[in-house]
Amino acid sequence: MTSGQETSNKMRITIAIKTISLFMGMLVLLAGACQQAAPAPAPKPAPAPLPTPAPTSTWKADGVISPGEYAKLKNFGDYELNWASDGQNVYIGVKAKTTGWVALGIQPGSRMKGADIIIGYVKDGKATVADHFSAGDFGPHKADAEFGGVDNILEFGAKEEGEYTTIEFRRALNTGDKFDHPLSQGLNDIIWSYGSDDQPTLKHVNRGYGEIDL
């Protein structure tokens, strides 16, 4: 092999090596660009809170709390509170150890002030459940209509049996009445009470505070 051929071969080898090196460098750069361009995995959305299940199709405002009729239950001593919601309405069943009136107050302010009160009783076999509002810390609570509002109880029933009185009612979660407080998804403050007589203006014999979770 002549010196000219050797020189030519060396040049070809050098060019080939440079070409391979350049090609490999381009591959490395391209791989890096692809890695940078790959989008990060999207974070998983937080699960939506589940609404309180609606009452079963057997719900009836008859003053009888049947098994499975309500989704949730809380006991406050001799006062039992049952509830459920279908997203539009709230269904409430209250049973207390009394032959007098039974009441539930929604979203109270200071003490009783501003409380949206539903009060019920059975007198001479007749059931009454009424929509009230409390104007002061210790009342008086009167029917919404007396303040210029509306009675927004859509269905109700009550029964007195033995030592217990039970009231059931349905109303909209948000009635639009300024003397009613909207019930929202999550925790809602309540007050509860009951008296020893069917006269709802007489003072309670027991009362307390609590929450319901919709």
N, C-alpha and C. Protein backbone atom coordinates (compact mmCIF):
# COMPACT_ATOMS: atom_id res chain seq x y z
N MET A 1 0.86 -1.18 0.00
CA MET A 1 0.00 0.00 0.00
C MET A 1 0.90 1.24 0.00
N THR A 2 0.56 2.16 -0.88
CA THR A 2 1.37 3.37 -0.97
C THR A 2 1.03 4.31 0.17
N SER A 3 1.93 5.30 0.37
CA SER A 3 1.69 6.27 1.44
C SER A 3 0.46 7.09 1.17
N GLY A 4 0.14 7.31 -0.15
CA GLY A 4 -1.07 8.08 -0.47
C GLY A 4 -2.32 7.32 -0.10
N GLN A 5 -2.32 6.00 -0.31
CA GLN A 5 -3.47 5.18 0.05
C GLN A 5 -3.66 5.13 1.56
N GLU A 6 -2.51 5.03 2.30
CA GLU A 6 -2.60 5.02 3.75
C GLU A 6 -3.22 6.31 4.28
N THR A 7 -2.76 7.39 3.69
CA THR A 7 -3.30 8.69 4.13
C THR A 7 -4.78 8.77 3.84
N SER A 8 -5.20 8.28 2.67
CA SER A 8 -6.62 8.32 2.29
C SER A 8 -7.45 7.45 3.23
N ASN A 9 -6.93 6.27 3.57
CA ASN A 9 -7.67 5.37 4.48
C ASN A 9 -7.80 5.99 5.87
N LYS A 10 -6.73 6.61 6.35
CA LYS A 10 -6.76 7.24 7.68
C LYS A 10 -7.80 8.35 7.72
N MET A 11 -7.87 9.11 6.58
CA MET A 11 -8.84 10.19 6.52
C MET A 11 -10.27 9.63 6.56
N ARG A 12 -10.47 8.52 5.83
CA ARG A 12 -11.80 7.91 5.84
C ARG A 12 -12.18 7.43 7.24
N ILE A 13 -11.20 6.80 7.93
CA ILE A 13 -11.47 6.30 9.28
C ILE A 13 -11.77 7.46 10.21
N THR A 14 -10.99 8.53 10.09
CA THR A 14 -11.20 9.71 10.95
C THR A 14 -12.58 10.31 10.72
N ILE A 15 -12.98 10.42 9.44
CA ILE A 15 -14.29 10.99 9.10
C ILE A 15 -15.40 10.09 9.65
N ALA A 16 -15.20 8.77 9.53
CA ALA A 16 -16.22 7.82 10.02
C ALA A 16 -16.37 7.93 11.53
N ILE A 17 -15.21 8.03 12.23
CA ILE A 17 -15.27 8.15 13.69
C ILE A 17 -15.98 9.42 14.09
N LYS A 18 -15.65 10.54 13.41
CA LYS A 18 -16.29 11.81 13.73
C LYS A 18 -17.79 11.76 13.44
N THR A 19 -18.14 11.10 12.34
CA THR A 19 -19.56 10.99 11.99
C THR A 19 -20.33 10.18 13.02
N ILE A 20 -19.71 9.07 13.45
CA ILE A 20 -20.35 8.22 14.47
C ILE A 20 -20.48 9.00 15.78
N SER A 21 -19.41 9.74 16.15
CA SER A 21 -19.44 10.51 17.41
C SER A 21 -20.53 11.59 17.35
N LEU A 22 -20.61 12.25 16.17
CA LEU A 22 -21.63 13.29 16.01
C LEU A 22 -23.03 12.69 16.10
N PHE A 23 -23.19 11.52 15.46
CA PHE A 23 -24.50 10.85 15.47
C PHE A 23 -24.90 10.44 16.90
N MET A 24 -23.93 9.89 17.64
CA MET A 24 -24.22 9.48 19.02
C MET A 24 -24.56 10.69 19.88
N GLY A 25 -23.82 11.81 19.67
CA GLY A 25 -24.12 13.02 20.43
C GLY A 25 -25.52 13.53 20.15
N MET A 26 -25.94 13.45 18.89
CA MET A 26 -27.30 13.89 18.53
C MET A 26 -28.35 13.00 19.18
N LEU A 27 -28.06 11.70 19.26
CA LEU A 27 -28.99 10.78 19.92
C LEU A 27 -29.15 11.12 21.39
N VAL A 28 -28.02 11.43 22.05
CA VAL A 28 -28.07 11.79 23.48
C VAL A 28 -28.89 13.06 23.69
N LEU A 29 -28.65 14.08 22.83
CA LEU A 29 -29.41 15.33 22.94
C LEU A 29 -30.89 15.12 22.70
N LEU A 30 -31.20 14.29 21.69
CA LEU A 30 -32.60 14.03 21.37
C LEU A 30 -33.31 13.30 22.51
N ALA A 31 -32.62 12.33 23.13
CA ALA A 31 -33.20 11.60 24.25
C ALA A 31 -33.47 12.53 25.43
N GLY A 32 -32.50 13.44 25.68
CA GLY A 32 -32.69 14.40 26.77
C GLY A 32 -33.86 15.32 26.52
N ALA A 33 -34.01 15.76 25.26
CA ALA A 33 -35.13 16.65 24.92
C ALA A 33 -36.46 15.94 25.09
N CYS A 34 -36.50 14.66 24.72
CA CYS A 34 -37.74 13.89 24.87
C CYS A 34 -38.11 13.74 26.33
N GLN A 35 -37.07 13.51 27.18
CA GLN A 35 -37.35 13.37 28.60
C GLN A 35 -37.88 14.67 29.19
N GLN A 36 -37.30 15.81 28.76
CA GLN A 36 -37.76 17.09 29.28
C GLN A 36 -39.16 17.42 28.81
N ALA A 37 -39.49 16.99 27.58
CA ALA A 37 -40.80 17.32 27.02
C ALA A 37 -41.91 16.45 27.58
N ALA A 38 -41.56 15.32 28.21
CA ALA A 38 -42.60 14.42 28.72
C ALA A 38 -43.37 15.10 29.85
N PRO A 39 -44.68 15.21 29.72
CA PRO A 39 -45.46 15.91 30.75
C PRO A 39 -45.50 15.12 32.05
N ALA A 40 -45.51 15.86 33.15
CA ALA A 40 -45.63 15.21 34.46
C ALA A 40 -47.03 14.65 34.61
N PRO A 41 -47.19 13.52 35.28
CA PRO A 41 -48.53 12.96 35.46
C PRO A 41 -49.44 13.92 36.22
N ALA A 42 -50.66 14.07 35.75
CA ALA A 42 -51.61 14.98 36.39
C ALA A 42 -51.99 14.45 37.77
N PRO A 43 -52.07 15.36 38.77
CA PRO A 43 -52.47 14.90 40.11
C PRO A 43 -53.90 14.38 40.10
N LYS A 44 -54.14 13.37 40.90
CA LYS A 44 -55.49 12.80 40.97
C LYS A 44 -56.41 13.77 41.69
N PRO A 45 -57.58 14.04 41.11
CA PRO A 45 -58.50 14.96 41.79
C PRO A 45 -59.00 14.38 43.11
N ALA A 46 -59.22 15.27 44.08
CA ALA A 46 -59.74 14.82 45.38
C ALA A 46 -61.15 14.28 45.19
N PRO A 47 -61.47 13.18 45.84
CA PRO A 47 -62.83 12.63 45.69
C PRO A 47 -63.87 13.59 46.21
N ALA A 48 -64.95 13.73 45.48
CA ALA A 48 -66.03 14.62 45.89
C ALA A 48 -66.70 14.05 47.14
N PRO A 49 -67.06 14.92 48.10
CA PRO A 49 -67.75 14.42 49.29
C PRO A 49 -69.09 13.81 48.93
N LEU A 50 -69.41 12.73 49.57
CA LEU A 50 -70.65 12.05 49.27
C LEU A 50 -71.81 12.71 50.02
N PRO A 51 -72.92 12.95 49.32
CA PRO A 51 -74.07 13.51 50.02
C PRO A 51 -74.70 12.49 50.94
N THR A 52 -75.41 12.99 51.93
CA THR A 52 -76.16 12.09 52.80
C THR A 52 -77.17 11.34 51.96
N PRO A 53 -77.22 10.02 52.06
CA PRO A 53 -78.18 9.27 51.26
C PRO A 53 -79.61 9.72 51.52
N ALA A 54 -80.41 9.67 50.48
CA ALA A 54 -81.81 10.03 50.60
C ALA A 54 -82.55 8.97 51.39
N PRO A 55 -83.69 9.33 51.96
CA PRO A 55 -84.48 8.32 52.67
C PRO A 55 -84.99 7.27 51.70
N THR A 56 -85.35 6.15 52.22
CA THR A 56 -85.87 5.10 51.37
C THR A 56 -87.23 5.51 50.82
N SER A 57 -87.69 4.76 49.84
CA SER A 57 -88.98 5.07 49.23
C SER A 57 -90.13 4.85 50.19
N THR A 58 -89.83 4.27 51.36
CA THR A 58 -90.89 4.02 52.34
C THR A 58 -91.08 5.18 53.30
N TRP A 59 -90.34 6.32 53.08
CA TRP A 59 -90.47 7.45 54.01
C TRP A 59 -91.90 7.97 54.00
N LYS A 60 -92.44 8.11 55.19
CA LYS A 60 -93.79 8.66 55.35
C LYS A 60 -93.80 9.57 56.56
N ALA A 61 -94.46 10.69 56.40
CA ALA A 61 -94.61 11.62 57.52
C ALA A 61 -95.80 11.19 58.36
N ASP A 62 -95.60 10.07 59.08
CA ASP A 62 -96.72 9.49 59.84
C ASP A 62 -96.46 9.45 61.34
N GLY A 63 -95.33 10.01 61.78
CA GLY A 63 -95.02 9.99 63.21
C GLY A 63 -94.48 8.66 63.69
N VAL A 64 -94.05 7.82 62.76
CA VAL A 64 -93.47 6.52 63.11
C VAL A 64 -92.11 6.42 62.42
N ILE A 65 -91.04 6.29 63.18
CA ILE A 65 -89.70 6.15 62.62
C ILE A 65 -89.41 4.66 62.43
N SER A 66 -89.43 4.23 61.18
CA SER A 66 -89.25 2.81 60.86
C SER A 66 -87.78 2.52 60.56
N PRO A 67 -87.34 1.26 60.76
CA PRO A 67 -85.96 0.89 60.43
C PRO A 67 -85.65 1.18 58.96
N GLY A 68 -84.53 1.85 58.70
CA GLY A 68 -84.11 2.15 57.34
C GLY A 68 -84.79 3.36 56.72
N GLU A 69 -85.68 4.00 57.46
CA GLU A 69 -86.40 5.14 56.89
C GLU A 69 -85.49 6.36 56.77
N TYR A 70 -84.47 6.46 57.63
CA TYR A 70 -83.54 7.59 57.60
C TYR A 70 -82.11 7.08 57.43
N ALA A 71 -81.26 7.99 56.94
CA ALA A 71 -79.87 7.61 56.68
C ALA A 71 -78.98 7.74 57.91
N LYS A 72 -79.27 8.71 58.78
CA LYS A 72 -78.38 8.97 59.92
C LYS A 72 -79.18 9.18 61.19
N LEU A 73 -78.48 8.97 62.31
CA LEU A 73 -79.13 9.02 63.62
C LEU A 73 -78.15 9.54 64.67
N LYS A 74 -78.67 10.40 65.57
CA LYS A 74 -77.90 10.83 66.74
C LYS A 74 -78.82 10.80 67.94
N ASN A 75 -78.27 10.41 69.08
CA ASN A 75 -79.02 10.42 70.33
C ASN A 75 -78.44 11.46 71.28
N PHE A 76 -79.31 12.26 71.85
CA PHE A 76 -78.94 13.23 72.87
C PHE A 76 -79.74 12.88 74.13
N GLY A 77 -79.34 11.81 74.77
CA GLY A 77 -80.10 11.35 75.94
C GLY A 77 -81.47 10.86 75.52
N ASP A 78 -82.51 11.50 76.03
CA ASP A 78 -83.88 11.10 75.72
C ASP A 78 -84.41 11.74 74.45
N TYR A 79 -83.53 12.35 73.67
CA TYR A 79 -83.92 13.02 72.43
C TYR A 79 -83.19 12.32 71.27
N GLU A 80 -83.94 11.77 70.34
CA GLU A 80 -83.36 11.04 69.21
C GLU A 80 -83.63 11.81 67.93
N LEU A 81 -82.58 12.06 67.15
CA LEU A 81 -82.69 12.82 65.91
C LEU A 81 -82.27 11.96 64.72
N ASN A 82 -83.18 11.83 63.75
CA ASN A 82 -82.93 11.08 62.51
C ASN A 82 -83.03 12.04 61.33
N TRP A 83 -82.18 11.82 60.30
CA TRP A 83 -82.27 12.71 59.15
C TRP A 83 -81.71 12.06 57.88
N ALA A 84 -82.10 12.65 56.74
CA ALA A 84 -81.60 12.26 55.43
C ALA A 84 -81.88 13.40 54.47
N SER A 85 -81.23 13.38 53.30
CA SER A 85 -81.43 14.42 52.30
C SER A 85 -81.35 13.81 50.91
N ASP A 86 -82.12 14.37 49.99
CA ASP A 86 -82.04 13.94 48.59
C ASP A 86 -81.40 15.01 47.71
N GLY A 87 -80.75 16.01 48.33
CA GLY A 87 -80.12 17.08 47.59
C GLY A 87 -81.02 18.28 47.39
N GLN A 88 -82.31 18.09 47.55
CA GLN A 88 -83.27 19.19 47.44
C GLN A 88 -84.01 19.44 48.75
N ASN A 89 -84.29 18.36 49.45
CA ASN A 89 -85.07 18.42 50.69
C ASN A 89 -84.32 17.74 51.83
N VAL A 90 -84.68 18.12 53.04
CA VAL A 90 -84.21 17.40 54.22
C VAL A 90 -85.41 16.71 54.84
N TYR A 91 -85.18 15.50 55.32
CA TYR A 91 -86.22 14.69 55.97
C TYR A 91 -85.78 14.48 57.41
N ILE A 92 -86.62 14.85 58.34
CA ILE A 92 -86.25 14.81 59.76
C ILE A 92 -87.27 13.98 60.53
N GLY A 93 -86.76 13.16 61.44
CA GLY A 93 -87.60 12.43 62.38
C GLY A 93 -87.05 12.62 63.78
N VAL A 94 -87.86 13.15 64.69
CA VAL A 94 -87.43 13.42 66.07
C VAL A 94 -88.33 12.65 67.03
N LYS A 95 -87.69 11.96 67.97
CA LYS A 95 -88.43 11.22 68.99
C LYS A 95 -87.87 11.60 70.36
N ALA A 96 -88.74 12.04 71.27
CA ALA A 96 -88.29 12.46 72.59
C ALA A 96 -89.18 11.87 73.68
N LYS A 97 -88.59 11.66 74.84
CA LYS A 97 -89.32 11.09 75.96
C LYS A 97 -90.12 12.19 76.65
N THR A 98 -91.26 12.48 76.07
CA THR A 98 -92.16 13.50 76.60
C THR A 98 -93.53 13.33 75.96
N THR A 99 -94.54 13.80 76.64
CA THR A 99 -95.88 13.86 76.06
C THR A 99 -96.23 15.31 75.71
N GLY A 100 -95.20 16.17 75.73
CA GLY A 100 -95.39 17.57 75.38
C GLY A 100 -94.81 17.87 74.01
N TRP A 101 -94.37 19.11 73.82
CA TRP A 101 -93.84 19.53 72.52
C TRP A 101 -92.39 19.08 72.33
N VAL A 102 -91.99 18.97 71.06
CA VAL A 102 -90.64 18.57 70.65
C VAL A 102 -90.17 19.57 69.60
N ALA A 103 -88.92 20.03 69.69
CA ALA A 103 -88.45 21.05 68.76
C ALA A 103 -87.02 20.80 68.28
N LEU A 104 -86.75 21.31 67.08
CA LEU A 104 -85.41 21.31 66.50
C LEU A 104 -85.14 22.70 65.97
N GLY A 105 -83.98 23.28 66.33
CA GLY A 105 -83.58 24.60 65.83
C GLY A 105 -82.39 24.47 64.90
N ILE A 106 -82.46 25.13 63.75
CA ILE A 106 -81.40 25.03 62.73
C ILE A 106 -80.57 26.30 62.72
N GLN A 107 -79.23 26.13 62.72
CA GLN A 107 -78.26 27.21 62.61
C GLN A 107 -78.54 28.35 63.59
N PRO A 108 -78.46 28.09 64.85
CA PRO A 108 -78.74 29.16 65.82
C PRO A 108 -77.61 30.18 65.86
N GLY A 109 -77.93 31.37 66.34
CA GLY A 109 -76.91 32.38 66.60
C GLY A 109 -76.49 32.26 68.05
N SER A 110 -76.59 33.35 68.78
CA SER A 110 -76.30 33.33 70.21
C SER A 110 -77.48 32.72 70.95
N ARG A 111 -77.23 31.60 71.65
CA ARG A 111 -78.29 30.88 72.35
C ARG A 111 -79.40 30.53 71.37
N MET A 112 -80.60 31.09 71.58
CA MET A 112 -81.71 30.82 70.66
C MET A 112 -81.87 31.89 69.59
N LYS A 113 -81.14 32.99 69.72
CA LYS A 113 -81.36 34.12 68.84
C LYS A 113 -81.13 33.76 67.38
N GLY A 114 -82.12 34.06 66.55
CA GLY A 114 -82.01 33.81 65.12
C GLY A 114 -82.21 32.38 64.71
N ALA A 115 -82.57 31.50 65.64
CA ALA A 115 -82.73 30.09 65.29
C ALA A 115 -83.99 29.87 64.46
N ASP A 116 -83.86 29.04 63.46
CA ASP A 116 -84.98 28.59 62.62
C ASP A 116 -85.53 27.34 63.30
N ILE A 117 -86.70 27.44 63.89
CA ILE A 117 -87.20 26.39 64.78
C ILE A 117 -88.40 25.67 64.15
N ILE A 118 -88.35 24.35 64.21
CA ILE A 118 -89.51 23.52 63.84
C ILE A 118 -89.99 22.86 65.12
N ILE A 119 -91.24 23.09 65.46
CA ILE A 119 -91.78 22.60 66.73
C ILE A 119 -93.06 21.82 66.47
N GLY A 120 -93.22 20.70 67.18
CA GLY A 120 -94.39 19.87 66.96
C GLY A 120 -94.90 19.21 68.23
N TYR A 121 -96.17 18.81 68.19
CA TYR A 121 -96.78 18.16 69.35
C TYR A 121 -98.07 17.49 68.88
N VAL A 122 -98.63 16.69 69.75
CA VAL A 122 -99.92 16.03 69.50
C VAL A 122 -100.87 16.42 70.63
N LYS A 123 -101.99 17.01 70.26
CA LYS A 123 -102.96 17.43 71.26
C LYS A 123 -104.34 16.94 70.84
N ASP A 124 -105.00 16.20 71.74
CA ASP A 124 -106.32 15.63 71.47
C ASP A 124 -106.30 14.80 70.18
N GLY A 125 -105.19 14.10 69.98
CA GLY A 125 -105.06 13.23 68.82
C GLY A 125 -104.70 13.94 67.53
N LYS A 126 -104.58 15.26 67.55
CA LYS A 126 -104.28 16.03 66.34
C LYS A 126 -102.80 16.42 66.32
N ALA A 127 -102.13 16.16 65.20
CA ALA A 127 -100.70 16.47 65.05
C ALA A 127 -100.51 17.89 64.54
N THR A 128 -99.55 18.59 65.14
CA THR A 128 -99.17 19.93 64.69
C THR A 128 -97.66 20.00 64.59
N VAL A 129 -97.14 20.45 63.46
CA VAL A 129 -95.71 20.72 63.28
C VAL A 129 -95.63 22.07 62.57
N ALA A 130 -94.96 23.04 63.17
CA ALA A 130 -94.99 24.41 62.66
C ALA A 130 -93.58 24.98 62.52
N ASP A 131 -93.46 25.94 61.60
CA ASP A 131 -92.22 26.62 61.27
C ASP A 131 -92.15 27.92 62.09
N HIS A 132 -91.18 27.98 63.03
CA HIS A 132 -91.05 29.13 63.91
C HIS A 132 -89.71 29.82 63.72
N PHE A 133 -89.59 31.00 64.33
CA PHE A 133 -88.34 31.76 64.33
C PHE A 133 -88.18 32.41 65.70
N SER A 134 -86.94 32.37 66.24
CA SER A 134 -86.68 32.95 67.55
C SER A 134 -86.04 34.33 67.40
N ALA A 135 -86.68 35.33 67.98
CA ALA A 135 -86.20 36.71 67.84
C ALA A 135 -85.13 37.09 68.85
N GLY A 136 -85.01 36.35 69.94
CA GLY A 136 -84.04 36.72 70.97
C GLY A 136 -83.31 35.54 71.55
N ASP A 137 -82.37 35.81 72.45
CA ASP A 137 -81.58 34.74 73.07
C ASP A 137 -82.46 33.72 73.78
N PHE A 138 -83.54 34.17 74.37
CA PHE A 138 -84.44 33.28 75.09
C PHE A 138 -85.85 33.35 74.50
N GLY A 139 -85.93 33.63 73.22
CA GLY A 139 -87.21 33.78 72.56
C GLY A 139 -87.64 35.24 72.60
N PRO A 140 -88.89 35.51 72.30
CA PRO A 140 -89.92 34.51 72.01
C PRO A 140 -89.75 33.93 70.60
N HIS A 141 -90.15 32.68 70.47
CA HIS A 141 -90.21 32.11 69.13
C HIS A 141 -91.68 32.05 68.71
N LYS A 142 -91.92 32.53 67.51
CA LYS A 142 -93.28 32.58 66.98
C LYS A 142 -93.29 32.01 65.57
N ALA A 143 -94.48 31.75 65.06
CA ALA A 143 -94.61 31.26 63.70
C ALA A 143 -94.00 32.26 62.72
N ASP A 144 -93.33 31.75 61.69
CA ASP A 144 -92.72 32.63 60.68
C ASP A 144 -93.71 33.66 60.14
N ALA A 145 -94.95 33.22 59.96
CA ALA A 145 -95.98 34.09 59.40
C ALA A 145 -96.18 35.35 60.25
N GLU A 146 -95.96 35.24 61.56
CA GLU A 146 -96.13 36.39 62.45
C GLU A 146 -95.02 37.41 62.28
N PHE A 147 -93.89 36.98 61.69
CA PHE A 147 -92.79 37.90 61.40
C PHE A 147 -92.83 38.39 59.95
N GLY A 148 -93.77 37.87 59.18
CA GLY A 148 -93.84 38.22 57.76
C GLY A 148 -93.28 37.15 56.85
N GLY A 149 -92.94 35.99 57.40
CA GLY A 149 -92.43 34.89 56.59
C GLY A 149 -93.52 33.91 56.21
N VAL A 150 -93.11 32.69 55.87
CA VAL A 150 -94.03 31.65 55.40
C VAL A 150 -93.71 30.35 56.12
N ASP A 151 -94.74 29.56 56.40
CA ASP A 151 -94.52 28.21 56.93
C ASP A 151 -94.09 27.32 55.78
N ASN A 152 -92.83 26.86 55.83
CA ASN A 152 -92.26 26.10 54.72
C ASN A 152 -92.17 24.60 54.99
N ILE A 153 -92.94 24.08 55.94
CA ILE A 153 -92.98 22.64 56.16
C ILE A 153 -93.83 22.02 55.05
N LEU A 154 -93.24 21.16 54.25
CA LEU A 154 -93.93 20.59 53.08
C LEU A 154 -94.80 19.39 53.44
N GLU A 155 -94.34 18.59 54.36
CA GLU A 155 -95.11 17.44 54.85
C GLU A 155 -94.78 17.26 56.32
N PHE A 156 -95.73 16.79 57.09
CA PHE A 156 -95.43 16.51 58.49
C PHE A 156 -96.41 15.48 59.05
N GLY A 157 -95.97 14.90 60.13
CA GLY A 157 -96.81 13.97 60.88
C GLY A 157 -96.27 13.88 62.30
N ALA A 158 -97.11 13.49 63.23
CA ALA A 158 -96.67 13.36 64.63
C ALA A 158 -97.52 12.31 65.32
N LYS A 159 -96.93 11.69 66.33
CA LYS A 159 -97.65 10.66 67.07
C LYS A 159 -97.16 10.65 68.51
N GLU A 160 -98.09 10.49 69.41
CA GLU A 160 -97.78 10.36 70.84
C GLU A 160 -98.11 8.94 71.26
N GLU A 161 -97.11 8.26 71.80
CA GLU A 161 -97.31 6.86 72.18
C GLU A 161 -96.56 6.57 73.47
N GLY A 162 -97.30 6.19 74.51
CA GLY A 162 -96.66 5.93 75.80
C GLY A 162 -96.04 7.21 76.34
N GLU A 163 -94.76 7.14 76.67
CA GLU A 163 -94.06 8.30 77.21
C GLU A 163 -93.38 9.14 76.13
N TYR A 164 -93.56 8.78 74.86
CA TYR A 164 -92.79 9.41 73.78
C TYR A 164 -93.67 10.16 72.79
N THR A 165 -93.09 11.23 72.25
CA THR A 165 -93.69 11.97 71.15
C THR A 165 -92.72 11.97 69.98
N THR A 166 -93.24 11.68 68.80
CA THR A 166 -92.43 11.64 67.59
C THR A 166 -93.00 12.63 66.57
N ILE A 167 -92.13 13.44 65.97
CA ILE A 167 -92.55 14.29 64.86
C ILE A 167 -91.68 13.97 63.65
N GLU A 168 -92.25 14.06 62.46
CA GLU A 168 -91.54 13.89 61.21
C GLU A 168 -91.94 15.02 60.27
N PHE A 169 -90.98 15.49 59.49
CA PHE A 169 -91.32 16.54 58.53
C PHE A 169 -90.32 16.57 57.38
N ARG A 170 -90.75 17.24 56.30
CA ARG A 170 -89.90 17.47 55.13
C ARG A 170 -89.96 18.95 54.78
N ARG A 171 -88.79 19.52 54.48
CA ARG A 171 -88.73 20.89 54.00
C ARG A 171 -87.55 21.03 53.05
N ALA A 172 -87.55 22.08 52.23
CA ALA A 172 -86.45 22.31 51.30
C ALA A 172 -85.18 22.65 52.06
N LEU A 173 -84.04 22.24 51.51
CA LEU A 173 -82.77 22.61 52.12
C LEU A 173 -82.61 24.13 52.17
N ASN A 174 -83.06 24.79 51.13
CA ASN A 174 -83.04 26.26 51.09
C ASN A 174 -84.42 26.74 50.67
N THR A 175 -85.17 27.26 51.60
CA THR A 175 -86.55 27.67 51.33
C THR A 175 -86.62 29.05 50.68
N GLY A 176 -85.57 29.85 50.82
CA GLY A 176 -85.60 31.21 50.32
C GLY A 176 -86.30 32.19 51.25
N ASP A 177 -86.79 31.68 52.37
CA ASP A 177 -87.46 32.52 53.37
C ASP A 177 -86.39 33.09 54.31
N LYS A 178 -86.40 34.40 54.55
CA LYS A 178 -85.37 34.99 55.40
C LYS A 178 -85.49 34.56 56.86
N PHE A 179 -86.60 33.93 57.22
CA PHE A 179 -86.76 33.42 58.58
C PHE A 179 -86.44 31.92 58.67
N ASP A 180 -85.91 31.36 57.58
CA ASP A 180 -85.42 29.98 57.56
C ASP A 180 -83.94 30.00 57.22
N HIS A 181 -83.17 29.12 57.85
CA HIS A 181 -81.75 29.02 57.52
C HIS A 181 -81.52 27.89 56.53
N PRO A 182 -80.74 28.13 55.46
CA PRO A 182 -80.43 27.05 54.52
C PRO A 182 -79.58 25.97 55.20
N LEU A 183 -79.83 24.74 54.83
CA LEU A 183 -78.98 23.63 55.25
C LEU A 183 -78.04 23.32 54.10
N SER A 184 -76.74 23.21 54.37
CA SER A 184 -75.75 22.99 53.33
C SER A 184 -75.03 21.67 53.52
N GLN A 185 -74.35 21.24 52.47
CA GLN A 185 -73.58 20.01 52.56
C GLN A 185 -72.46 20.19 53.58
N GLY A 186 -72.28 19.22 54.44
CA GLY A 186 -71.31 19.32 55.53
C GLY A 186 -72.01 19.46 56.86
N LEU A 187 -71.33 20.06 57.83
CA LEU A 187 -71.87 20.17 59.18
C LEU A 187 -72.77 21.39 59.32
N ASN A 188 -73.90 21.18 59.99
CA ASN A 188 -74.85 22.25 60.27
C ASN A 188 -75.16 22.24 61.76
N ASP A 189 -75.04 23.40 62.39
CA ASP A 189 -75.31 23.50 63.83
C ASP A 189 -76.80 23.44 64.11
N ILE A 190 -77.14 22.80 65.20
CA ILE A 190 -78.54 22.71 65.61
C ILE A 190 -78.65 22.94 67.12
N ILE A 191 -79.87 23.26 67.56
CA ILE A 191 -80.23 23.16 68.96
C ILE A 191 -81.45 22.26 69.04
N TRP A 192 -81.64 21.61 70.16
CA TRP A 192 -82.79 20.74 70.32
C TRP A 192 -83.40 20.98 71.71
N SER A 193 -84.68 20.68 71.82
CA SER A 193 -85.35 20.86 73.10
C SER A 193 -86.68 20.15 73.10
N TYR A 194 -87.24 19.98 74.28
CA TYR A 194 -88.60 19.46 74.40
C TYR A 194 -89.20 19.94 75.72
N GLY A 195 -90.52 20.00 75.74
CA GLY A 195 -91.23 20.47 76.92
C GLY A 195 -92.16 19.40 77.45
N SER A 196 -92.75 19.67 78.60
CA SER A 196 -93.61 18.68 79.25
C SER A 196 -95.09 18.89 78.93
N ASP A 197 -95.40 19.91 78.14
CA ASP A 197 -96.79 20.24 77.86
C ASP A 197 -96.97 20.47 76.36
N ASP A 198 -98.20 20.40 75.89
CA ASP A 198 -98.47 20.62 74.48
C ASP A 198 -98.51 22.11 74.12
N GLN A 199 -98.30 22.97 75.08
CA GLN A 199 -98.29 24.41 74.83
C GLN A 199 -96.85 24.83 74.49
N PRO A 200 -96.55 25.15 73.21
CA PRO A 200 -95.16 25.41 72.81
C PRO A 200 -94.56 26.70 73.36
N THR A 201 -95.38 27.55 73.98
CA THR A 201 -94.83 28.77 74.58
C THR A 201 -94.26 28.53 75.97
N LEU A 202 -94.56 27.34 76.54
CA LEU A 202 -94.02 27.02 77.86
C LEU A 202 -92.55 26.60 77.74
N LYS A 203 -91.78 26.86 78.78
CA LYS A 203 -90.34 26.61 78.77
C LYS A 203 -90.02 25.12 78.64
N HIS A 204 -88.89 24.85 77.99
CA HIS A 204 -88.42 23.48 77.82
C HIS A 204 -88.05 22.85 79.18
N VAL A 205 -88.04 21.51 79.20
CA VAL A 205 -87.54 20.78 80.37
C VAL A 205 -86.17 20.19 80.09
N ASN A 206 -85.76 20.21 78.81
CA ASN A 206 -84.43 19.72 78.45
C ASN A 206 -84.07 20.35 77.10
N ARG A 207 -82.78 20.60 76.93
CA ARG A 207 -82.33 21.20 75.68
C ARG A 207 -80.85 20.91 75.49
N GLY A 208 -80.33 21.19 74.31
CA GLY A 208 -78.91 20.99 74.06
C GLY A 208 -78.51 21.47 72.66
N TYR A 209 -77.22 21.32 72.35
CA TYR A 209 -76.66 21.73 71.07
C TYR A 209 -76.10 20.50 70.36
N GLY A 210 -75.95 20.59 69.05
CA GLY A 210 -75.39 19.48 68.30
C GLY A 210 -75.13 19.88 66.86
N GLU A 211 -74.88 18.87 66.02
CA GLU A 211 -74.63 19.07 64.59
C GLU A 211 -75.28 17.95 63.80
N ILE A 212 -75.67 18.28 62.58
CA ILE A 212 -76.07 17.25 61.64
C ILE A 212 -75.18 17.38 60.41
N ASP A 213 -74.80 16.27 59.84
CA ASP A 213 -73.86 16.24 58.71
C ASP A 213 -74.63 15.82 57.46
N LEU A 214 -74.74 16.73 56.50
CA LEU A 214 -75.43 16.41 55.25
C LEU A 214 -74.41 16.09 54.17
